[in-house]
Amino acid sequence: MDDLRLIREMRRRLGMTQAQLAKRAGVSQSLVAKIESGEVDPAYSKARAIMDALQREQLSKEKTAGEIMHRGVHAVSPSQTLHEAAELMRKKGISQLAVIEGGRMVGSISEQLLILRMAEGKKSISKTPVREAMDEPFPTALASTPFSAIASLLRHCPAVLIIEKGEIAGIITKADLLKCI
């Protein structure tokens, strides 16, 4: 297992002692020391327990969606016009909006989508209802979701809505992730 060579580095980066790692993994401190020094090749179950303990520790120190989200999600209704959506984005300095109807997320609208609609020139955006142009809804995640999972979602979508107690509590965009670096 190539990861065994990384145990010492990962443990130190997380600020853990060998004894702390051993306790969390359910192994002896001497086994951790021997693995780190290359003296022993542990059983797979012991190596897996150590790696799992390191991963749990890393996740526990990672920021959560609730810590990095912006509260207060700006939204439009499907019946509003694309022009109204564009105006709201401009006023708020944002690049995407949730589309909400009856308290439920039904779609999303982004500046990229608005630019594409304008370039098509088929119909004026001043009169086009949002429902005719909206994209799929943004994905949702719980406030307890780790930063790394949110980053993975944002590779494929412009924003993630954060849910607390069954309600939309906030939003995370790609720009928010850059602030966390």
Protein backbone atom coordinates (compact mmCIF):
# COMPACT_ATOMS: atom_id res chain seq x y z
CA MET A 1 0.00 0.00 0.00
CA ASP A 2 1.73 3.17 -1.23
CA ASP A 3 -0.20 5.25 1.28
CA LEU A 4 1.83 3.76 4.13
CA ARG A 5 4.76 5.98 3.18
CA LEU A 6 2.47 8.99 3.65
CA ILE A 7 1.25 8.15 7.16
CA ARG A 8 3.90 10.22 8.96
CA GLU A 9 3.38 13.21 6.67
CA MET A 10 -0.42 13.05 6.94
CA ARG A 11 -0.30 12.61 10.73
CA ARG A 12 2.03 15.59 11.18
CA ARG A 13 -0.01 17.79 8.82
CA LEU A 14 -3.07 17.04 10.96
CA GLY A 15 -1.13 17.87 14.14
CA MET A 16 -1.51 14.38 15.60
CA THR A 17 0.97 12.43 17.70
CA GLN A 18 1.64 8.76 17.05
CA ALA A 19 -0.21 7.95 20.27
CA GLN A 20 -3.29 9.94 19.19
CA LEU A 21 -3.34 8.24 15.80
CA ALA A 22 -2.92 4.82 17.38
CA LYS A 23 -5.80 5.43 19.78
CA ARG A 24 -8.13 6.61 17.01
CA ALA A 25 -7.17 3.66 14.80
CA GLY A 26 -7.37 1.07 17.58
CA VAL A 27 -3.75 -0.04 17.19
CA SER A 28 -0.65 0.32 19.36
CA GLN A 29 1.58 3.39 19.23
CA SER A 30 4.58 1.12 18.62
CA LEU A 31 2.90 -0.28 15.50
CA VAL A 32 2.41 3.26 14.15
CA ALA A 33 6.08 4.06 14.89
CA LYS A 34 7.26 0.86 13.16
CA ILE A 35 5.10 1.50 10.10
CA GLU A 36 6.33 5.09 9.83
CA SER A 37 9.96 3.99 10.07
CA GLY A 38 9.42 1.23 7.49
CA GLU A 39 10.34 -1.54 9.97
CA VAL A 40 7.10 -3.45 9.54
CA ASP A 41 4.59 -4.21 6.84
CA PRO A 42 1.27 -4.31 8.72
CA ALA A 43 -1.76 -6.47 8.08
CA TYR A 44 -4.17 -4.89 5.64
CA SER A 45 -6.80 -4.45 8.37
CA LYS A 46 -4.37 -2.49 10.57
CA ALA A 47 -3.20 -0.30 7.67
CA ARG A 48 -6.81 0.37 6.66
CA ALA A 49 -7.72 1.29 10.27
CA ILE A 50 -4.85 3.80 10.38
CA MET A 51 -5.75 5.34 7.03
CA ASP A 52 -9.43 5.55 8.01
CA ALA A 53 -8.49 7.30 11.27
CA LEU A 54 -6.40 9.83 9.34
CA GLN A 55 -9.24 10.44 6.90
CA ARG A 56 -11.77 10.94 9.73
CA GLU A 57 -9.41 13.42 11.39
CA GLN A 58 -8.95 15.30 8.13
CA LEU A 59 -12.72 15.54 7.60
CA SER A 60 -13.27 16.71 11.18
CA LYS A 61 -10.85 19.61 10.61
CA GLU A 62 -12.24 20.51 7.20
CA LYS A 63 -14.58 23.47 6.92
CA THR A 64 -18.22 22.64 6.36
CA ALA A 65 -20.73 24.10 3.92
CA GLY A 66 -22.44 25.90 6.80
CA GLU A 67 -19.21 27.72 7.62
CA ILE A 68 -18.56 29.03 4.12
CA MET A 69 -22.04 29.62 2.71
CA HIS A 70 -23.67 32.98 2.14
CA ARG A 71 -26.96 33.27 3.98
CA GLY A 72 -29.88 34.68 2.10
CA VAL A 73 -30.31 33.24 -1.36
CA HIS A 74 -31.36 35.65 -4.09
CA ALA A 75 -34.06 34.17 -6.26
CA VAL A 76 -36.61 34.89 -8.96
CA SER A 77 -39.89 33.24 -9.77
CA PRO A 78 -40.49 31.39 -13.05
CA SER A 79 -42.99 34.06 -14.10
CA GLN A 80 -40.52 36.94 -13.84
CA THR A 81 -38.74 38.03 -17.01
CA LEU A 82 -35.14 37.36 -17.94
CA HIS A 83 -34.67 41.13 -17.89
CA GLU A 84 -35.77 41.22 -14.23
CA ALA A 85 -33.38 38.37 -13.44
CA ALA A 86 -30.51 40.20 -15.17
CA GLU A 87 -31.29 43.40 -13.25
CA LEU A 88 -31.28 41.55 -9.92
CA MET A 89 -27.93 39.92 -10.76
CA ARG A 90 -26.48 43.29 -11.69
CA LYS A 91 -27.76 45.04 -8.53
CA LYS A 92 -26.55 42.26 -6.23
CA GLY A 93 -23.26 41.67 -8.06
CA ILE A 94 -23.95 37.97 -8.52
CA SER A 95 -23.77 35.67 -11.53
CA GLN A 96 -26.58 33.19 -10.86
CA LEU A 97 -29.98 32.99 -9.24
CA ALA A 98 -32.17 30.25 -7.88
CA VAL A 99 -35.62 29.98 -9.44
CA ILE A 100 -38.13 29.33 -6.67
CA GLU A 101 -41.85 28.72 -6.87
CA GLY A 102 -43.99 27.99 -3.84
CA GLY A 103 -40.93 27.71 -1.61
CA ARG A 104 -39.47 24.99 -3.85
CA MET A 105 -36.39 25.21 -6.05
CA VAL A 106 -37.56 24.63 -9.62
CA GLY A 107 -34.60 25.86 -11.65
CA SER A 108 -31.64 28.19 -11.94
CA ILE A 109 -30.61 31.06 -14.15
CA SER A 110 -27.05 32.29 -14.77
CA GLU A 111 -25.40 35.19 -16.51
CA GLN A 112 -23.93 32.67 -18.97
CA LEU A 113 -27.42 31.50 -19.88
CA LEU A 114 -28.60 35.10 -20.30
CA ILE A 115 -25.68 35.87 -22.61
CA LEU A 116 -26.48 32.80 -24.71
CA ARG A 117 -30.14 33.85 -24.96
CA MET A 118 -29.14 37.37 -26.03
CA ALA A 119 -26.73 35.97 -28.63
CA GLU A 120 -29.49 33.79 -30.10
CA GLY A 121 -31.56 36.93 -30.61
CA LYS A 122 -34.73 34.91 -31.22
CA LYS A 123 -36.81 36.63 -28.59
CA SER A 124 -36.18 39.73 -26.49
CA ILE A 125 -35.08 38.87 -22.96
CA SER A 126 -37.14 41.80 -21.70
CA LYS A 127 -40.32 39.79 -22.26
CA THR A 128 -39.15 36.18 -21.98
CA PRO A 129 -40.30 34.50 -18.76
CA VAL A 130 -37.58 32.82 -16.69
CA ARG A 131 -39.46 29.47 -16.96
CA GLU A 132 -38.75 29.40 -20.73
CA ALA A 133 -34.99 29.68 -20.28
CA MET A 134 -34.09 28.32 -16.85
CA ASP A 135 -31.62 25.50 -16.30
CA GLU A 136 -31.88 22.61 -13.87
CA PRO A 137 -31.99 23.51 -10.16
CA PHE A 138 -28.67 23.85 -8.34
CA PRO A 139 -27.71 20.78 -6.35
CA THR A 140 -28.30 20.89 -2.61
CA ALA A 141 -26.15 19.84 0.32
CA LEU A 142 -26.50 19.85 4.07
CA ALA A 143 -24.75 22.49 6.16
CA SER A 144 -22.56 19.71 7.61
CA THR A 145 -21.21 18.70 4.18
CA PRO A 146 -17.39 18.93 4.05
CA PHE A 147 -15.66 21.56 1.92
CA SER A 148 -14.13 18.90 -0.35
CA ALA A 149 -17.56 17.52 -1.31
CA ILE A 150 -18.83 21.02 -2.12
CA ALA A 151 -15.73 21.64 -4.25
CA SER A 152 -16.47 18.45 -6.20
CA LEU A 153 -20.05 19.57 -6.88
CA LEU A 154 -18.89 22.99 -8.04
CA ARG A 155 -16.73 21.39 -10.72
CA HIS A 156 -19.98 20.64 -12.55
CA CYS A 157 -22.36 23.45 -11.58
CA PRO A 158 -22.16 27.16 -10.79
CA ALA A 159 -23.61 26.98 -7.26
CA VAL A 160 -24.76 24.67 -4.47
CA LEU A 161 -27.71 25.48 -2.21
CA ILE A 162 -27.26 24.66 1.45
CA ILE A 163 -30.14 23.14 3.39
CA GLU A 164 -30.72 23.45 7.14
CA LYS A 165 -33.79 21.92 8.78
CA GLY A 166 -35.37 21.28 5.39
CA GLU A 167 -35.14 24.93 4.29
CA ILE A 168 -32.77 26.71 1.90
CA ALA A 169 -30.35 28.45 4.26
CA GLY A 170 -27.59 29.65 1.96
CA ILE A 171 -25.59 29.29 -1.22
CA ILE A 172 -21.98 28.52 -2.13
CA THR A 173 -20.50 29.55 -5.46
CA LYS A 174 -17.12 28.96 -7.08
CA ALA A 175 -16.04 32.43 -5.94
CA ASP A 176 -16.73 31.41 -2.32
CA LEU A 177 -14.37 28.46 -2.64
CA LEU A 178 -11.58 30.70 -3.85
CA LYS A 179 -11.95 32.76 -0.66
CA CYS A 180 -11.25 29.62 1.39
CA ILE A 181 -7.86 28.94 -0.18
